[in-house]
Amino acid sequence: PDAPGLIDIRVTATDRDGFAAVDTHTVRI
């Protein structure tokens, strides 16, 4: 990162049965 603030990482995972989940992780700078 080049500046202070928050960076969000959003992950969308889908399994072979079609079930999905979304998770957001925040990185603090």
PDB file of all heavy atoms in Angstrom:
ATOM      1  N   PRO A   1       0.836  -1.205   0.000  1.00  0.00           N
ATOM      2  CA  PRO A   1       0.000   0.000   0.000  1.00  0.00           C
ATOM      3  C   PRO A   1       0.870   1.254   0.000  1.00  0.00           C
ATOM      4  O   PRO A   1       1.965   1.265   0.569  1.00  0.00           O
ATOM      5  CB  PRO A   1      -0.807  -0.119   1.290  1.00  0.00           C
ATOM      6  CG  PRO A   1       0.003  -1.008   2.161  1.00  0.00           C
ATOM      7  CD  PRO A   1       0.774  -1.927   1.270  1.00  0.00           C
ATOM      8  N   ASP A   2       0.367   2.307  -0.634  1.00  0.00           N
ATOM      9  CA  ASP A   2       1.154   3.538  -0.690  1.00  0.00           C
ATOM     10  C   ASP A   2       0.585   4.659   0.178  1.00  0.00           C
ATOM     11  O   ASP A   2       1.180   5.727   0.252  1.00  0.00           O
ATOM     12  CB  ASP A   2       1.301   4.010  -2.131  1.00  0.00           C
ATOM     13  CG  ASP A   2      -0.023   4.211  -2.831  1.00  0.00           C
ATOM     14  OD1 ASP A   2      -1.077   4.012  -2.203  1.00  0.00           O
ATOM     15  OD2 ASP A   2      -0.014   4.569  -4.025  1.00  0.00           O
ATOM     16  N   ALA A   3      -0.558   4.426   0.830  1.00  0.00           N
ATOM     17  CA  ALA A   3      -1.159   5.475   1.653  1.00  0.00           C
ATOM     18  C   ALA A   3      -1.892   4.844   2.839  1.00  0.00           C
ATOM     19  O   ALA A   3      -2.323   3.701   2.767  1.00  0.00           O
ATOM     20  CB  ALA A   3      -2.143   6.292   0.815  1.00  0.00           C
ATOM     21  N   PRO A   4      -2.033   5.602   3.934  1.00  0.00           N
ATOM     22  CA  PRO A   4      -2.804   5.091   5.072  1.00  0.00           C
ATOM     23  C   PRO A   4      -4.278   4.943   4.713  1.00  0.00           C
ATOM     24  O   PRO A   4      -4.766   5.585   3.795  1.00  0.00           O
ATOM     25  CB  PRO A   4      -2.621   6.150   6.155  1.00  0.00           C
ATOM     26  CG  PRO A   4      -1.869   7.268   5.558  1.00  0.00           C
ATOM     27  CD  PRO A   4      -1.473   6.915   4.175  1.00  0.00           C
ATOM     28  N   GLY A   5      -4.974   4.107   5.471  1.00  0.00           N
ATOM     29  CA  GLY A   5      -6.405   3.898   5.262  1.00  0.00           C
ATOM     30  C   GLY A   5      -6.758   2.434   5.407  1.00  0.00           C
ATOM     31  O   GLY A   5      -6.050   1.665   6.051  1.00  0.00           O
ATOM     32  N   LEU A   6      -7.853   2.049   4.779  1.00  0.00           N
ATOM     33  CA  LEU A   6      -8.334   0.672   4.847  1.00  0.00           C
ATOM     34  C   LEU A   6      -8.345   0.063   3.452  1.00  0.00           C
ATOM     35  O   LEU A   6      -8.742   0.713   2.490  1.00  0.00           O
ATOM     36  CB  LEU A   6      -9.742   0.620   5.428  1.00  0.00           C
ATOM     37  CG  LEU A   6      -9.917   1.198   6.825  1.00  0.00           C
ATOM     38  CD1 LEU A   6     -11.380   1.137   7.239  1.00  0.00           C
ATOM     39  CD2 LEU A   6      -9.056   0.449   7.821  1.00  0.00           C
ATOM     40  N   ILE A   7      -7.918  -1.183   3.377  1.00  0.00           N
ATOM     41  CA  ILE A   7      -7.968  -1.942   2.129  1.00  0.00           C
ATOM     42  C   ILE A   7      -8.820  -3.174   2.406  1.00  0.00           C
ATOM     43  O   ILE A   7      -8.566  -3.913   3.357  1.00  0.00           O
ATOM     44  CB  ILE A   7      -6.556  -2.343   1.659  1.00  0.00           C
ATOM     45  CG1 ILE A   7      -5.738  -1.086   1.357  1.00  0.00           C
ATOM     46  CG2 ILE A   7      -6.637  -3.264   0.452  1.00  0.00           C
ATOM     47  CD1 ILE A   7      -4.292  -1.354   1.005  1.00  0.00           C
ATOM     48  N   ASP A   8      -9.831  -3.380   1.576  1.00  0.00           N
ATOM     49  CA  ASP A   8     -10.719  -4.530   1.738  1.00  0.00           C
ATOM     50  C   ASP A   8     -10.368  -5.614   0.734  1.00  0.00           C
ATOM     51  O   ASP A   8     -10.121  -5.325  -0.449  1.00  0.00           O
ATOM     52  CB  ASP A   8     -12.176  -4.117   1.534  1.00  0.00           C
ATOM     53  CG  ASP A   8     -12.677  -3.180   2.609  1.00  0.00           C
ATOM     54  OD1 ASP A   8     -12.305  -3.382   3.781  1.00  0.00           O
ATOM     55  OD2 ASP A   8     -13.428  -2.244   2.275  1.00  0.00           O
ATOM     56  N   ILE A   9     -10.369  -6.852   1.212  1.00  0.00           N
ATOM     57  CA  ILE A   9     -10.181  -8.025   0.356  1.00  0.00           C
ATOM     58  C   ILE A   9     -11.470  -8.830   0.445  1.00  0.00           C
ATOM     59  O   ILE A   9     -11.856  -9.268   1.529  1.00  0.00           O
ATOM     60  CB  ILE A   9      -8.981  -8.878   0.813  1.00  0.00           C
ATOM     61  CG1 ILE A   9      -7.695  -8.042   0.772  1.00  0.00           C
ATOM     62  CG2 ILE A   9      -8.853 -10.128  -0.052  1.00  0.00           C
ATOM     63  CD1 ILE A   9      -6.497  -8.725   1.415  1.00  0.00           C
ATOM     64  N   ARG A  10     -12.150  -8.998  -0.686  1.00  0.00           N
ATOM     65  CA  ARG A  10     -13.413  -9.743  -0.721  1.00  0.00           C
ATOM     66  C   ARG A  10     -13.201 -11.060  -1.454  1.00  0.00           C
ATOM     67  O   ARG A  10     -12.687 -11.080  -2.570  1.00  0.00           O
ATOM     68  CB  ARG A  10     -14.496  -8.919  -1.410  1.00  0.00           C
ATOM     69  CG  ARG A  10     -15.846  -9.615  -1.457  1.00  0.00           C
ATOM     70  CD  ARG A  10     -16.950  -8.693  -1.910  1.00  0.00           C
ATOM     71  NE  ARG A  10     -16.745  -8.238  -3.278  1.00  0.00           N
ATOM     72  CZ  ARG A  10     -17.491  -7.308  -3.869  1.00  0.00           C
ATOM     73  NH1 ARG A  10     -18.480  -6.734  -3.210  1.00  0.00           N
ATOM     74  NH2 ARG A  10     -17.243  -6.941  -5.099  1.00  0.00           N
ATOM     75  N   VAL A  11     -13.591 -12.147  -0.795  1.00  0.00           N
ATOM     76  CA  VAL A  11     -13.425 -13.486  -1.357  1.00  0.00           C
ATOM     77  C   VAL A  11     -14.810 -14.096  -1.560  1.00  0.00           C
ATOM     78  O   VAL A  11     -15.632 -14.114  -0.645  1.00  0.00           O
ATOM     79  CB  VAL A  11     -12.587 -14.383  -0.418  1.00  0.00           C
ATOM     80  CG1 VAL A  11     -12.453 -15.785  -0.997  1.00  0.00           C
ATOM     81  CG2 VAL A  11     -11.223 -13.767  -0.154  1.00  0.00           C
ATOM     82  N   THR A  12     -15.050 -14.605  -2.764  1.00  0.00           N
ATOM     83  CA  THR A  12     -16.270 -15.341  -3.070  1.00  0.00           C
ATOM     84  C   THR A  12     -15.867 -16.766  -3.408  1.00  0.00           C
ATOM     85  O   THR A  12     -15.124 -16.990  -4.366  1.00  0.00           O
ATOM     86  CB  THR A  12     -17.030 -14.709  -4.253  1.00  0.00           C
ATOM     87  OG1 THR A  12     -17.285 -13.335  -3.953  1.00  0.00           O
ATOM     88  CG2 THR A  12     -18.339 -15.436  -4.518  1.00  0.00           C
ATOM     89  N   ALA A  13     -16.326 -17.715  -2.597  1.00  0.00           N
ATOM     90  CA  ALA A  13     -15.979 -19.120  -2.793  1.00  0.00           C
ATOM     91  C   ALA A  13     -17.236 -19.905  -3.140  1.00  0.00           C
ATOM     92  O   ALA A  13     -18.269 -19.768  -2.486  1.00  0.00           O
ATOM     93  CB  ALA A  13     -15.336 -19.678  -1.534  1.00  0.00           C
ATOM     94  N   THR A  14     -17.148 -20.745  -4.171  1.00  0.00           N
ATOM     95  CA  THR A  14     -18.265 -21.583  -4.597  1.00  0.00           C
ATOM     96  C   THR A  14     -17.798 -23.026  -4.614  1.00  0.00           C
ATOM     97  O   THR A  14     -16.743 -23.337  -5.177  1.00  0.00           O
ATOM     98  CB  THR A  14     -18.758 -21.170  -6.002  1.00  0.00           C
ATOM     99  OG1 THR A  14     -19.049 -19.768  -5.990  1.00  0.00           O
ATOM    100  CG2 THR A  14     -19.999 -21.947  -6.400  1.00  0.00           C
ATOM    101  N   ASP A  15     -18.598 -23.910  -3.999  1.00  0.00           N
ATOM    102  CA  ASP A  15     -18.203 -25.326  -3.973  1.00  0.00           C
ATOM    103  C   ASP A  15     -18.809 -26.067  -5.161  1.00  0.00           C
ATOM    104  O   ASP A  15     -19.554 -25.504  -5.961  1.00  0.00           O
ATOM    105  CB  ASP A  15     -18.544 -25.980  -2.631  1.00  0.00           C
ATOM    106  CG  ASP A  15     -20.027 -26.150  -2.383  1.00  0.00           C
ATOM    107  OD1 ASP A  15     -20.846 -25.947  -3.320  1.00  0.00           O
ATOM    108  OD2 ASP A  15     -20.388 -26.507  -1.251  1.00  0.00           O
ATOM    109  N   ARG A  16     -18.495 -27.350  -5.284  1.00  0.00           N
ATOM    110  CA  ARG A  16     -18.950 -28.158  -6.428  1.00  0.00           C
ATOM    111  C   ARG A  16     -20.457 -28.408  -6.420  1.00  0.00           C
ATOM    112  O   ARG A  16     -21.032 -28.764  -7.442  1.00  0.00           O
ATOM    113  CB  ARG A  16     -18.196 -29.485  -6.445  1.00  0.00           C
ATOM    114  CG  ARG A  16     -16.749 -29.319  -6.792  1.00  0.00           C
ATOM    115  CD  ARG A  16     -16.050 -30.652  -6.907  1.00  0.00           C
ATOM    116  NE  ARG A  16     -14.637 -30.434  -7.138  1.00  0.00           N
ATOM    117  CZ  ARG A  16     -13.684 -31.116  -6.553  1.00  0.00           C
ATOM    118  NH1 ARG A  16     -13.981 -32.099  -5.709  1.00  0.00           N
ATOM    119  NH2 ARG A  16     -12.427 -30.853  -6.815  1.00  0.00           N
ATOM    120  N   ASP A  17     -21.097 -28.219  -5.253  1.00  0.00           N
ATOM    121  CA  ASP A  17     -22.552 -28.379  -5.171  1.00  0.00           C
ATOM    122  C   ASP A  17     -23.291 -27.083  -5.481  1.00  0.00           C
ATOM    123  O   ASP A  17     -24.520 -27.050  -5.456  1.00  0.00           O
ATOM    124  CB  ASP A  17     -22.947 -28.859  -3.769  1.00  0.00           C
ATOM    125  CG  ASP A  17     -22.510 -30.281  -3.492  1.00  0.00           C
ATOM    126  OD1 ASP A  17     -22.416 -31.077  -4.452  1.00  0.00           O
ATOM    127  OD2 ASP A  17     -22.250 -30.598  -2.316  1.00  0.00           O
ATOM    128  N   GLY A  18     -22.549 -26.000  -5.725  1.00  0.00           N
ATOM    129  CA  GLY A  18     -23.160 -24.726  -6.055  1.00  0.00           C
ATOM    130  C   GLY A  18     -23.393 -23.800  -4.877  1.00  0.00           C
ATOM    131  O   GLY A  18     -23.916 -22.705  -5.040  1.00  0.00           O
ATOM    132  N   PHE A  19     -23.002 -24.237  -3.662  1.00  0.00           N
ATOM    133  CA  PHE A  19     -23.127 -23.357  -2.495  1.00  0.00           C
ATOM    134  C   PHE A  19     -22.015 -22.315  -2.540  1.00  0.00           C
ATOM    135  O   PHE A  19     -20.879 -22.631  -2.902  1.00  0.00           O
ATOM    136  CB  PHE A  19     -23.045 -24.155  -1.192  1.00  0.00           C
ATOM    137  CG  PHE A  19     -24.200 -25.091  -0.985  1.00  0.00           C
ATOM    138  CD1 PHE A  19     -24.043 -26.456  -1.155  1.00  0.00           C
ATOM    139  CD2 PHE A  19     -25.444 -24.595  -0.631  1.00  0.00           C
ATOM    140  CE1 PHE A  19     -25.104 -27.320  -0.973  1.00  0.00           C
ATOM    141  CE2 PHE A  19     -26.519 -25.450  -0.432  1.00  0.00           C
ATOM    142  CZ  PHE A  19     -26.347 -26.822  -0.611  1.00  0.00           C
ATOM    143  N   ALA A  20     -22.354 -21.083  -2.162  1.00  0.00           N
ATOM    144  CA  ALA A  20     -21.372 -19.998  -2.222  1.00  0.00           C
ATOM    145  C   ALA A  20     -21.322 -19.257  -0.894  1.00  0.00           C
ATOM    146  O   ALA A  20     -22.290 -19.233  -0.138  1.00  0.00           O
ATOM    147  CB  ALA A  20     -21.714 -19.029  -3.347  1.00  0.00           C
ATOM    148  N   ALA A  21     -20.175 -18.662  -0.622  1.00  0.00           N
ATOM    149  CA  ALA A  21     -19.981 -17.817   0.559  1.00  0.00           C
ATOM    150  C   ALA A  21     -19.134 -16.628   0.152  1.00  0.00           C
ATOM    151  O   ALA A  21     -18.297 -16.717  -0.754  1.00  0.00           O
ATOM    152  CB  ALA A  21     -19.295 -18.593   1.675  1.00  0.00           C
ATOM    153  N   VAL A  22     -19.369 -15.506   0.838  1.00  0.00           N
ATOM    154  CA  VAL A  22     -18.589 -14.291   0.597  1.00  0.00           C
ATOM    155  C   VAL A  22     -18.054 -13.813   1.936  1.00  0.00           C
ATOM    156  O   VAL A  22     -18.774 -13.779   2.926  1.00  0.00           O
ATOM    157  CB  VAL A  22     -19.453 -13.188  -0.052  1.00  0.00           C
ATOM    158  CG1 VAL A  22     -18.645 -11.916  -0.245  1.00  0.00           C
ATOM    159  CG2 VAL A  22     -20.034 -13.661  -1.367  1.00  0.00           C
ATOM    160  N   ASP A  23     -16.771 -13.440   1.964  1.00  0.00           N
ATOM    161  CA  ASP A  23     -16.158 -12.912   3.178  1.00  0.00           C
ATOM    162  C   ASP A  23     -15.315 -11.707   2.796  1.00  0.00           C
ATOM    163  O   ASP A  23     -14.622 -11.730   1.769  1.00  0.00           O
ATOM    164  CB  ASP A  23     -15.287 -13.980   3.853  1.00  0.00           C
ATOM    165  CG  ASP A  23     -14.720 -13.502   5.174  1.00  0.00           C
ATOM    166  OD1 ASP A  23     -15.494 -12.996   6.002  1.00  0.00           O
ATOM    167  OD2 ASP A  23     -13.492 -13.615   5.365  1.00  0.00           O
ATOM    168  N   THR A  24     -15.384 -10.659   3.614  1.00  0.00           N
ATOM    169  CA  THR A  24     -14.564  -9.470   3.385  1.00  0.00           C
ATOM    170  C   THR A  24     -13.623  -9.298   4.560  1.00  0.00           C
ATOM    171  O   THR A  24     -14.041  -9.310   5.717  1.00  0.00           O
ATOM    172  CB  THR A  24     -15.442  -8.222   3.220  1.00  0.00           C
ATOM    173  OG1 THR A  24     -16.347  -8.432   2.131  1.00  0.00           O
ATOM    174  CG2 THR A  24     -14.603  -6.988   2.939  1.00  0.00           C
ATOM    175  N   HIS A  25     -12.353  -9.150   4.263  1.00  0.00           N
ATOM    176  CA  HIS A  25     -11.305  -8.975   5.264  1.00  0.00           C
ATOM    177  C   HIS A  25     -10.735  -7.566   5.080  1.00  0.00           C
ATOM    178  O   HIS A  25     -10.407  -7.169   3.959  1.00  0.00           O
ATOM    179  CB  HIS A  25     -10.202 -10.026   5.061  1.00  0.00           C
ATOM    180  CG  HIS A  25      -9.070  -9.917   6.016  1.00  0.00           C
ATOM    181  ND1 HIS A  25      -9.117 -10.457   7.276  1.00  0.00           N
ATOM    182  CD2 HIS A  25      -7.860  -9.323   5.897  1.00  0.00           C
ATOM    183  CE1 HIS A  25      -7.973 -10.211   7.891  1.00  0.00           C
ATOM    184  NE2 HIS A  25      -7.196  -9.523   7.069  1.00  0.00           N
ATOM    185  N   THR A  26     -10.615  -6.811   6.160  1.00  0.00           N
ATOM    186  CA  THR A  26     -10.100  -5.442   6.083  1.00  0.00           C
ATOM    187  C   THR A  26      -8.669  -5.389   6.593  1.00  0.00           C
ATOM    188  O   THR A  26      -8.366  -5.887   7.674  1.00  0.00           O
ATOM    189  CB  THR A  26     -10.979  -4.487   6.901  1.00  0.00           C
ATOM    190  OG1 THR A  26     -12.318  -4.545   6.379  1.00  0.00           O
ATOM    191  CG2 THR A  26     -10.477  -3.064   6.828  1.00  0.00           C
ATOM    192  N   VAL A  27      -7.803  -4.786   5.798  1.00  0.00           N
ATOM    193  CA  VAL A  27      -6.399  -4.586   6.155  1.00  0.00           C
ATOM    194  C   VAL A  27      -6.234  -3.119   6.535  1.00  0.00           C
ATOM    195  O   VAL A  27      -6.610  -2.226   5.766  1.00  0.00           O
ATOM    196  CB  VAL A  27      -5.462  -4.937   4.977  1.00  0.00           C
ATOM    197  CG1 VAL A  27      -4.007  -4.730   5.360  1.00  0.00           C
ATOM    198  CG2 VAL A  27      -5.713  -6.353   4.495  1.00  0.00           C
ATOM    199  N   ARG A  28      -5.700  -2.884   7.716  1.00  0.00           N
ATOM    200  CA  ARG A  28      -5.517  -1.514   8.196  1.00  0.00           C
ATOM    201  C   ARG A  28      -4.104  -1.042   7.890  1.00  0.00           C
ATOM    202  O   ARG A  28      -3.137  -1.725   8.216  1.00  0.00           O
ATOM    203  CB  ARG A  28      -5.786  -1.449   9.691  1.00  0.00           C
ATOM    204  CG  ARG A  28      -7.207  -1.768  10.019  1.00  0.00           C
ATOM    205  CD  ARG A  28      -7.457  -1.781  11.491  1.00  0.00           C
ATOM    206  NE  ARG A  28      -8.884  -2.013  11.716  1.00  0.00           N
ATOM    207  CZ  ARG A  28      -9.387  -2.412  12.839  1.00  0.00           C
ATOM    208  NH1 ARG A  28      -8.625  -2.613  13.882  1.00  0.00           N
ATOM    209  NH2 ARG A  28     -10.674  -2.609  12.947  1.00  0.00           N
ATOM    210  N   ILE A  29      -4.022   0.149   7.302  1.00  0.00           N
ATOM    211  CA  ILE A  29      -2.740   0.775   7.000  1.00  0.00           C
ATOM    212  C   ILE A  29      -2.673   2.047   7.848  1.00  0.00           C
ATOM    213  O   ILE A  29      -3.448   2.982   7.640  1.00  0.00           O
ATOM    214  CB  ILE A  29      -2.607   1.124   5.500  1.00  0.00           C
ATOM    215  CG1 ILE A  29      -2.996  -0.068   4.615  1.00  0.00           C
ATOM    216  CG2 ILE A  29      -1.203   1.624   5.201  1.00  0.00           C
ATOM    217  CD1 ILE A  29      -2.205  -1.337   4.875  1.00  0.00           C
TER     218      ILE A  29
END
